[in-house]
């Protein structure tokens, strides 16, 4: 009975979410941008970053000290540009 209850809850939740935010809604596009680029702020946030650390011998604390702030600023600037330009197009 518990499995059925959980399944019905998940189906109901998905139905409400998809009704509130259709598939091509601004929310999903912004979420995809955030998920795709947010990992660059910390080098260990993406598989490519971990691979770069191994191949190029990049130290985590060096990256945190010198690159993370630049990556964060770029990420935030991209988010602001996306939010501002969305109503225009």
PDB file of N, CA and C in Angstrom:
ATOM      1  N   UNK A   1       0.813  -1.189   0.000  1.00  0.00           N
ATOM      2  CA  UNK A   1       0.000   0.000   0.000  1.00  0.00           C
ATOM      3  C   UNK A   1       0.861   1.259   0.000  1.00  0.00           C
ATOM      4  N   UNK A   2       1.975   1.233   0.701  1.00  0.00           N
ATOM      5  CA  UNK A   2       2.851   2.405   0.757  1.00  0.00           C
ATOM      6  C   UNK A   2       3.420   2.735  -0.610  1.00  0.00           C
ATOM      7  N   UNK A   3       3.806   1.739  -1.370  1.00  0.00           N
ATOM      8  CA  UNK A   3       4.349   1.970  -2.705  1.00  0.00           C
ATOM      9  C   UNK A   3       3.314   2.626  -3.598  1.00  0.00           C
ATOM     10  N   UNK A   4       2.084   2.187  -3.512  1.00  0.00           N
ATOM     11  CA  UNK A   4       1.007   2.782  -4.302  1.00  0.00           C
ATOM     12  C   UNK A   4       0.785   4.237  -3.902  1.00  0.00           C
ATOM     13  N   UNK A   5       0.827   4.526  -2.623  1.00  0.00           N
ATOM     14  CA  UNK A   5       0.658   5.893  -2.146  1.00  0.00           C
ATOM     15  C   UNK A   5       1.775   6.789  -2.660  1.00  0.00           C
ATOM     16  N   UNK A   6       2.995   6.307  -2.592  1.00  0.00           N
ATOM     17  CA  UNK A   6       4.134   7.082  -3.078  1.00  0.00           C
ATOM     18  C   UNK A   6       4.022   7.313  -4.580  1.00  0.00           C
ATOM     19  N   UNK A   7       3.653   6.292  -5.320  1.00  0.00           N
ATOM     20  CA  UNK A   7       3.494   6.401  -6.762  1.00  0.00           C
ATOM     21  C   UNK A   7       2.413   7.417  -7.134  1.00  0.00           C
ATOM     22  N   UNK A   8       1.288   7.365  -6.453  1.00  0.00           N
ATOM     23  CA  UNK A   8       0.222   8.334  -6.717  1.00  0.00           C
ATOM     24  C   UNK A   8       0.655   9.753  -6.359  1.00  0.00           C
ATOM     25  N   UNK A   9       1.405   9.893  -5.275  1.00  0.00           N
ATOM     26  CA  UNK A   9       1.897  11.210  -4.895  1.00  0.00           C
ATOM     27  C   UNK A   9       2.829  11.769  -5.968  1.00  0.00           C
ATOM     28  N   UNK A  10       3.753  10.947  -6.456  1.00  0.00           N
ATOM     29  CA  UNK A  10       4.704  11.391  -7.476  1.00  0.00           C
ATOM     30  C   UNK A  10       3.980  11.757  -8.760  1.00  0.00           C
ATOM     31  N   UNK A  11       3.026  10.939  -9.185  1.00  0.00           N
ATOM     32  CA  UNK A  11       2.273  11.245 -10.401  1.00  0.00           C
ATOM     33  C   UNK A  11       1.498  12.546 -10.241  1.00  0.00           C
ATOM     34  N   UNK A  12       0.861  12.724  -9.099  1.00  0.00           N
ATOM     35  CA  UNK A  12       0.128  13.967  -8.842  1.00  0.00           C
ATOM     36  C   UNK A  12       1.037  15.182  -8.814  1.00  0.00           C
ATOM     37  N   UNK A  13       2.183  15.030  -8.180  1.00  0.00           N
ATOM     38  CA  UNK A  13       3.143  16.135  -8.115  1.00  0.00           C
ATOM     39  C   UNK A  13       3.639  16.520  -9.503  1.00  0.00           C
ATOM     40  N   UNK A  14       3.971  15.527 -10.317  1.00  0.00           N
ATOM     41  CA  UNK A  14       4.427  15.806 -11.680  1.00  0.00           C
ATOM     42  C   UNK A  14       3.338  16.478 -12.505  1.00  0.00           C
ATOM     43  N   UNK A  15       2.102  16.030 -12.336  1.00  0.00           N
ATOM     44  CA  UNK A  15       1.000  16.631 -13.089  1.00  0.00           C
ATOM     45  C   UNK A  15       0.828  18.098 -12.710  1.00  0.00           C
ATOM     46  N   UNK A  16       0.915  18.405 -11.428  1.00  0.00           N
ATOM     47  CA  UNK A  16       0.777  19.793 -10.983  1.00  0.00           C
ATOM     48  C   UNK A  16       1.946  20.624 -11.482  1.00  0.00           C
ATOM     49  N   UNK A  17       3.157  20.093 -11.391  1.00  0.00           N
ATOM     50  CA  UNK A  17       4.346  20.826 -11.823  1.00  0.00           C
ATOM     51  C   UNK A  17       4.303  21.098 -13.320  1.00  0.00           C
ATOM     52  N   UNK A  18       3.976  20.092 -14.110  1.00  0.00           N
ATOM     53  CA  UNK A  18       3.949  20.268 -15.559  1.00  0.00           C
ATOM     54  C   UNK A  18       2.796  21.167 -15.996  1.00  0.00           C
ATOM     55  N   UNK A  19       1.730  21.188 -15.203  1.00  0.00           N
ATOM     56  CA  UNK A  19       0.625  22.099 -15.520  1.00  0.00           C
ATOM     57  C   UNK A  19       1.034  23.534 -15.216  1.00  0.00           C
ATOM     58  N   UNK A  20       1.763  23.717 -14.131  1.00  0.00           N
ATOM     59  CA  UNK A  20       2.195  25.051 -13.730  1.00  0.00           C
ATOM     60  C   UNK A  20       3.317  25.565 -14.629  1.00  0.00           C
ATOM     61  N   UNK A  21       4.234  24.692 -15.005  1.00  0.00           N
ATOM     62  CA  UNK A  21       5.361  25.064 -15.858  1.00  0.00           C
ATOM     63  C   UNK A  21       5.386  24.149 -17.075  1.00  0.00           C
ATOM     64  N   UNK A  22       4.759  24.553 -18.183  1.00  0.00           N
ATOM     65  CA  UNK A  22       4.794  23.699 -19.383  1.00  0.00           C
ATOM     66  C   UNK A  22       6.229  23.456 -19.849  1.00  0.00           C
ATOM     67  N   UNK A  23       6.414  22.467 -20.723  1.00  0.00           N
ATOM     68  CA  UNK A  23       7.740  22.042 -21.153  1.00  0.00           C
ATOM     69  C   UNK A  23       8.612  23.124 -21.741  1.00  0.00           C
ATOM     70  N   UNK A  24       8.030  24.119 -22.393  1.00  0.00           N
ATOM     71  CA  UNK A  24       8.838  25.173 -23.005  1.00  0.00           C
ATOM     72  C   UNK A  24       8.797  26.470 -22.192  1.00  0.00           C
ATOM     73  N   UNK A  25       8.568  26.347 -20.928  1.00  0.00           N
ATOM     74  CA  UNK A  25       8.452  27.510 -20.049  1.00  0.00           C
ATOM     75  C   UNK A  25       9.819  28.085 -19.686  1.00  0.00           C
ATOM     76  N   UNK A  26       9.858  29.348 -19.392  1.00  0.00           N
ATOM     77  CA  UNK A  26      11.060  30.072 -18.986  1.00  0.00           C
ATOM     78  C   UNK A  26      11.786  29.366 -17.839  1.00  0.00           C
ATOM     79  N   UNK A  27      11.033  28.861 -16.871  1.00  0.00           N
ATOM     80  CA  UNK A  27      11.613  28.200 -15.698  1.00  0.00           C
ATOM     81  C   UNK A  27      12.526  27.047 -16.094  1.00  0.00           C
ATOM     82  N   UNK A  28      12.068  26.176 -17.004  1.00  0.00           N
ATOM     83  CA  UNK A  28      12.855  25.004 -17.395  1.00  0.00           C
ATOM     84  C   UNK A  28      14.102  25.404 -18.177  1.00  0.00           C
ATOM     85  N   UNK A  29      13.971  26.428 -19.009  1.00  0.00           N
ATOM     86  CA  UNK A  29      15.130  26.890 -19.777  1.00  0.00           C
ATOM     87  C   UNK A  29      16.190  27.479 -18.853  1.00  0.00           C
ATOM     88  N   UNK A  30      15.758  28.273 -17.876  1.00  0.00           N
ATOM     89  CA  UNK A  30      16.702  28.844 -16.915  1.00  0.00           C
ATOM     90  C   UNK A  30      17.311  27.751 -16.037  1.00  0.00           C
ATOM     91  N   UNK A  31      16.510  26.770 -15.651  1.00  0.00           N
ATOM     92  CA  UNK A  31      17.028  25.656 -14.860  1.00  0.00           C
ATOM     93  C   UNK A  31      18.093  24.884 -15.632  1.00  0.00           C
ATOM     94  N   UNK A  32      17.874  24.674 -16.928  1.00  0.00           N
ATOM     95  CA  UNK A  32      18.861  23.980 -17.763  1.00  0.00           C
ATOM     96  C   UNK A  32      20.152  24.793 -17.857  1.00  0.00           C
ATOM     97  N   UNK A  33      20.031  26.115 -17.995  1.00  0.00           N
ATOM     98  CA  UNK A  33      21.224  26.971 -18.030  1.00  0.00           C
ATOM     99  C   UNK A  33      21.995  26.861 -16.715  1.00  0.00           C
ATOM    100  N   UNK A  34      21.273  26.962 -15.601  1.00  0.00           N
ATOM    101  CA  UNK A  34      21.924  26.909 -14.291  1.00  0.00           C
ATOM    102  C   UNK A  34      22.599  25.568 -14.048  1.00  0.00           C
ATOM    103  N   UNK A  35      21.938  24.487 -14.418  1.00  0.00           N
ATOM    104  CA  UNK A  35      22.522  23.158 -14.225  1.00  0.00           C
ATOM    105  C   UNK A  35      23.714  22.942 -15.141  1.00  0.00           C
ATOM    106  N   UNK A  36      23.647  23.479 -16.350  1.00  0.00           N
ATOM    107  CA  UNK A  36      24.723  23.268 -17.316  1.00  0.00           C
ATOM    108  C   UNK A  36      25.966  24.081 -17.050  1.00  0.00           C
ATOM    109  N   UNK A  37      25.805  25.266 -16.495  1.00  0.00           N
ATOM    110  CA  UNK A  37      26.968  26.133 -16.317  1.00  0.00           C
ATOM    111  C   UNK A  37      27.375  26.329 -14.861  1.00  0.00           C
ATOM    112  N   UNK A  38      26.511  26.002 -13.944  1.00  0.00           N
ATOM    113  CA  UNK A  38      26.816  26.206 -12.529  1.00  0.00           C
ATOM    114  C   UNK A  38      27.986  25.380 -12.031  1.00  0.00           C
ATOM    115  N   UNK A  39      28.237  24.252 -12.658  1.00  0.00           N
ATOM    116  CA  UNK A  39      29.348  23.409 -12.245  1.00  0.00           C
ATOM    117  C   UNK A  39      30.707  24.011 -12.511  1.00  0.00           C
ATOM    118  N   UNK A  40      30.753  25.050 -13.328  1.00  0.00           N
ATOM    119  CA  UNK A  40      32.032  25.683 -13.629  1.00  0.00           C
ATOM    120  C   UNK A  40      32.544  26.549 -12.491  1.00  0.00           C
ATOM    121  N   UNK A  41      31.671  26.917 -11.577  1.00  0.00           N
ATOM    122  CA  UNK A  41      32.100  27.764 -10.467  1.00  0.00           C
ATOM    123  C   UNK A  41      33.100  27.016  -9.589  1.00  0.00           C
ATOM    124  N   UNK A  42      32.840  25.752  -9.336  1.00  0.00           N
ATOM    125  CA  UNK A  42      33.809  24.896  -8.648  1.00  0.00           C
ATOM    126  C   UNK A  42      34.279  23.855  -9.641  1.00  0.00           C
ATOM    127  N   UNK A  43      35.554  23.667  -9.734  1.00  0.00           N
ATOM    128  CA  UNK A  43      36.106  22.750 -10.737  1.00  0.00           C
ATOM    129  C   UNK A  43      35.623  21.324 -10.523  1.00  0.00           C
ATOM    130  N   UNK A  44      35.298  20.970  -9.289  1.00  0.00           N
ATOM    131  CA  UNK A  44      34.813  19.613  -9.028  1.00  0.00           C
ATOM    132  C   UNK A  44      33.320  19.486  -9.290  1.00  0.00           C
ATOM    133  N   UNK A  45      32.671  20.547  -9.785  1.00  0.00           N
ATOM    134  CA  UNK A  45      31.242  20.527 -10.049  1.00  0.00           C
ATOM    135  C   UNK A  45      30.870  19.912 -11.378  1.00  0.00           C
ATOM    136  N   UNK A  46      31.828  19.542 -12.171  1.00  0.00           N
ATOM    137  CA  UNK A  46      31.527  18.907 -13.454  1.00  0.00           C
ATOM    138  C   UNK A  46      32.578  17.846 -13.756  1.00  0.00           C
ATOM    139  N   UNK A  47      32.179  16.891 -14.589  1.00  0.00           N
ATOM    140  CA  UNK A  47      33.111  15.831 -14.974  1.00  0.00           C
ATOM    141  C   UNK A  47      34.273  16.406 -15.769  1.00  0.00           C
ATOM    142  N   UNK A  48      33.995  17.420 -16.589  1.00  0.00           N
ATOM    143  CA  UNK A  48      35.063  18.041 -17.369  1.00  0.00           C
ATOM    144  C   UNK A  48      36.074  18.733 -16.452  1.00  0.00           C
ATOM    145  N   UNK A  49      35.601  19.339 -15.381  1.00  0.00           N
ATOM    146  CA  UNK A  49      36.507  19.978 -14.435  1.00  0.00           C
ATOM    147  C   UNK A  49      37.402  18.983 -13.722  1.00  0.00           C
ATOM    148  N   UNK A  50      36.825  17.873 -13.332  1.00  0.00           N
ATOM    149  CA  UNK A  50      37.614  16.831 -12.668  1.00  0.00           C
ATOM    150  C   UNK A  50      38.649  16.266 -13.640  1.00  0.00           C
ATOM    151  N   UNK A  51      38.253  16.074 -14.894  1.00  0.00           N
ATOM    152  CA  UNK A  51      39.198  15.586 -15.902  1.00  0.00           C
ATOM    153  C   UNK A  51      40.311  16.597 -16.130  1.00  0.00           C
ATOM    154  N   UNK A  52      39.973  17.885 -16.182  1.00  0.00           N
ATOM    155  CA  UNK A  52      40.991  18.930 -16.366  1.00  0.00           C
ATOM    156  C   UNK A  52      41.961  18.956 -15.189  1.00  0.00           C
ATOM    157  N   UNK A  53      41.437  18.761 -13.976  1.00  0.00           N
ATOM    158  CA  UNK A  53      42.316  18.723 -12.805  1.00  0.00           C
ATOM    159  C   UNK A  53      43.344  17.609 -12.943  1.00  0.00           C
ATOM    160  N   UNK A  54      42.906  16.459 -13.424  1.00  0.00           N
ATOM    161  CA  UNK A  54      43.819  15.333 -13.558  1.00  0.00           C
ATOM    162  C   UNK A  54      44.804  15.499 -14.691  1.00  0.00           C
ATOM    163  N   UNK A  55      44.331  15.982 -15.836  1.00  0.00           N
ATOM    164  CA  UNK A  55      45.198  16.088 -17.011  1.00  0.00           C
ATOM    165  C   UNK A  55      46.189  17.246 -16.908  1.00  0.00           C
ATOM    166  N   UNK A  56      45.737  18.360 -16.376  1.00  0.00           N
ATOM    167  CA  UNK A  56      46.575  19.563 -16.326  1.00  0.00           C
ATOM    168  C   UNK A  56      47.189  19.801 -14.946  1.00  0.00           C
ATOM    169  N   UNK A  57      46.949  18.893 -14.027  1.00  0.00           N
ATOM    170  CA  UNK A  57      47.483  19.008 -12.660  1.00  0.00           C
ATOM    171  C   UNK A  57      47.080  20.334 -12.003  1.00  0.00           C
ATOM    172  N   UNK A  58      45.802  20.675 -12.144  1.00  0.00           N
ATOM    173  CA  UNK A  58      45.273  21.896 -11.534  1.00  0.00           C
ATOM    174  C   UNK A  58      44.919  21.580 -10.085  1.00  0.00           C
ATOM    175  N   UNK A  59      45.435  22.376  -9.181  1.00  0.00           N
ATOM    176  CA  UNK A  59      45.150  22.211  -7.767  1.00  0.00           C
ATOM    177  C   UNK A  59      43.796  22.843  -7.451  1.00  0.00           C
ATOM    178  N   UNK A  60      42.993  22.154  -6.642  1.00  0.00           N
ATOM    179  CA  UNK A  60      41.656  22.649  -6.308  1.00  0.00           C
ATOM    180  C   UNK A  60      41.715  24.025  -5.661  1.00  0.00           C
ATOM    181  N   UNK A  61      42.607  24.229  -4.715  1.00  0.00           N
ATOM    182  CA  UNK A  61      42.657  25.505  -4.001  1.00  0.00           C
ATOM    183  C   UNK A  61      43.180  26.630  -4.895  1.00  0.00           C
ATOM    184  N   UNK A  62      44.054  26.314  -5.844  1.00  0.00           N
ATOM    185  CA  UNK A  62      44.483  27.321  -6.814  1.00  0.00           C
ATOM    186  C   UNK A  62      43.288  27.772  -7.645  1.00  0.00           C
ATOM    187  N   UNK A  63      42.513  26.802  -8.126  1.00  0.00           N
ATOM    188  CA  UNK A  63      41.325  27.122  -8.927  1.00  0.00           C
ATOM    189  C   UNK A  63      40.337  27.936  -8.089  1.00  0.00           C
ATOM    190  N   UNK A  64      40.121  27.522  -6.868  1.00  0.00           N
ATOM    191  CA  UNK A  64      39.188  28.228  -5.986  1.00  0.00           C
ATOM    192  C   UNK A  64      39.632  29.664  -5.767  1.00  0.00           C
ATOM    193  N   UNK A  65      40.926  29.865  -5.614  1.00  0.00           N
ATOM    194  CA  UNK A  65      41.454  31.204  -5.327  1.00  0.00           C
ATOM    195  C   UNK A  65      41.460  32.120  -6.546  1.00  0.00           C
ATOM    196  N   UNK A  66      41.829  31.601  -7.719  1.00  0.00           N
ATOM    197  CA  UNK A  66      42.048  32.465  -8.875  1.00  0.00           C
ATOM    198  C   UNK A  66      40.950  32.417  -9.940  1.00  0.00           C
ATOM    199  N   UNK A  67      40.198  31.360 -10.024  1.00  0.00           N
ATOM    200  CA  UNK A  67      39.260  31.199 -11.137  1.00  0.00           C
ATOM    201  C   UNK A  67      37.802  31.223 -10.699  1.00  0.00           C
ATOM    202  N   UNK A  68      37.492  30.721  -9.508  1.00  0.00           N
ATOM    203  CA  UNK A  68      36.092  30.581  -9.101  1.00  0.00           C
ATOM    204  C   UNK A  68      35.326  31.899  -9.105  1.00  0.00           C
ATOM    205  N   UNK A  69      35.943  32.971  -8.680  1.00  0.00           N
ATOM    206  CA  UNK A  69      35.250  34.264  -8.677  1.00  0.00           C
ATOM    207  C   UNK A  69      34.919  34.692 -10.106  1.00  0.00           C
ATOM    208  N   UNK A  70      35.847  34.508 -11.032  1.00  0.00           N
ATOM    209  CA  UNK A  70      35.577  34.847 -12.429  1.00  0.00           C
ATOM    210  C   UNK A  70      34.460  33.981 -12.994  1.00  0.00           C
ATOM    211  N   UNK A  71      34.479  32.696 -12.669  1.00  0.00           N
ATOM    212  CA  UNK A  71      33.423  31.794 -13.142  1.00  0.00           C
ATOM    213  C   UNK A  71      32.072  32.179 -12.551  1.00  0.00           C
ATOM    214  N   UNK A  72      32.047  32.564 -11.281  1.00  0.00           N
ATOM    215  CA  UNK A  72      30.808  32.994 -10.641  1.00  0.00           C
ATOM    216  C   UNK A  72      30.273  34.270 -11.278  1.00  0.00           C
ATOM    217  N   UNK A  73      31.146  35.229 -11.539  1.00  0.00           N
ATOM    218  CA  UNK A  73      30.716  36.469 -12.183  1.00  0.00           C
ATOM    219  C   UNK A  73      30.160  36.210 -13.583  1.00  0.00           C
ATOM    220  N   UNK A  74      30.808  35.341 -14.343  1.00  0.00           N
ATOM    221  CA  UNK A  74      30.308  34.984 -15.664  1.00  0.00           C
ATOM    222  C   UNK A  74      28.967  34.270 -15.597  1.00  0.00           C
ATOM    223  N   UNK A  75      28.830  33.386 -14.635  1.00  0.00           N
ATOM    224  CA  UNK A  75      27.579  32.658 -14.434  1.00  0.00           C
ATOM    225  C   UNK A  75      26.444  33.619 -14.090  1.00  0.00           C
ATOM    226  N   UNK A  76      26.690  34.534 -13.152  1.00  0.00           N
ATOM    227  CA  UNK A  76      25.664  35.497 -12.754  1.00  0.00           C
ATOM    228  C   UNK A  76      25.342  36.465 -13.888  1.00  0.00           C
ATOM    229  N   UNK A  77      26.355  36.905 -14.629  1.00  0.00           N
ATOM    230  CA  UNK A  77      26.116  37.791 -15.769  1.00  0.00           C
ATOM    231  C   UNK A  77      25.266  37.094 -16.821  1.00  0.00           C
ATOM    232  N   UNK A  78      25.555  35.840 -17.094  1.00  0.00           N
ATOM    233  CA  UNK A  78      24.750  35.077 -18.049  1.00  0.00           C
ATOM    234  C   UNK A  78      23.316  34.923 -17.598  1.00  0.00           C
ATOM    235  N   UNK A  79      23.112  34.701 -16.313  1.00  0.00           N
ATOM    236  CA  UNK A  79      21.762  34.578 -15.771  1.00  0.00           C
ATOM    237  C   UNK A  79      20.999  35.884 -15.912  1.00  0.00           C
ATOM    238  N   UNK A  80      21.650  36.998 -15.589  1.00  0.00           N
ATOM    239  CA  UNK A  80      21.003  38.311 -15.720  1.00  0.00           C
ATOM    240  C   UNK A  80      20.655  38.597 -17.176  1.00  0.00           C
ATOM    241  N   UNK A  81      21.574  38.324 -18.085  1.00  0.00           N
ATOM    242  CA  UNK A  81      21.308  38.548 -19.507  1.00  0.00           C
ATOM    243  C   UNK A  81      20.143  37.681 -19.972  1.00  0.00           C
ATOM    244  N   UNK A  82      20.095  36.444 -19.545  1.00  0.00           N
ATOM    245  CA  UNK A  82      18.998  35.562 -19.943  1.00  0.00           C
ATOM    246  C   UNK A  82      17.661  36.092 -19.438  1.00  0.00           C
ATOM    247  N   UNK A  83      17.624  36.514 -18.175  1.00  0.00           N
ATOM    248  CA  UNK A  83      16.374  37.020 -17.597  1.00  0.00           C
ATOM    249  C   UNK A  83      15.935  38.306 -18.284  1.00  0.00           C
ATOM    250  N   UNK A  84      16.884  39.193 -18.617  1.00  0.00           N
ATOM    251  CA  UNK A  84      16.545  40.454 -19.246  1.00  0.00           C
ATOM    252  C   UNK A  84      16.105  40.249 -20.693  1.00  0.00           C
ATOM    253  N   UNK A  85      16.775  39.387 -21.431  1.00  0.00           N
ATOM    254  CA  UNK A  85      16.454  39.220 -22.846  1.00  0.00           C
ATOM    255  C   UNK A  85      15.257  38.315 -23.096  1.00  0.00           C
ATOM    256  N   UNK A  86      14.845  37.509 -22.128  1.00  0.00           N
ATOM    257  CA  UNK A  86      13.761  36.561 -22.362  1.00  0.00           C
ATOM    258  C   UNK A  86      12.461  37.243 -22.814  1.00  0.00           C
ATOM    259  N   UNK A  87      12.014  38.317 -22.147  1.00  0.00           N
ATOM    260  CA  UNK A  87      10.765  38.954 -22.604  1.00  0.00           C
ATOM    261  C   UNK A  87      10.893  39.634 -23.980  1.00  0.00           C
ATOM    262  N   UNK A  88      12.101  39.925 -24.408  1.00  0.00           N
ATOM    263  CA  UNK A  88      12.296  40.628 -25.677  1.00  0.00           C
ATOM    264  C   UNK A  88      12.119  39.723 -26.885  1.00  0.00           C
ATOM    265  N   UNK A  89      12.387  38.435 -26.721  1.00  0.00           N
ATOM    266  CA  UNK A  89      12.321  37.508 -27.852  1.00  0.00           C
ATOM    267  C   UNK A  89      11.270  36.509 -27.605  1.00  0.00           C
TER     268      UNK A  89
END
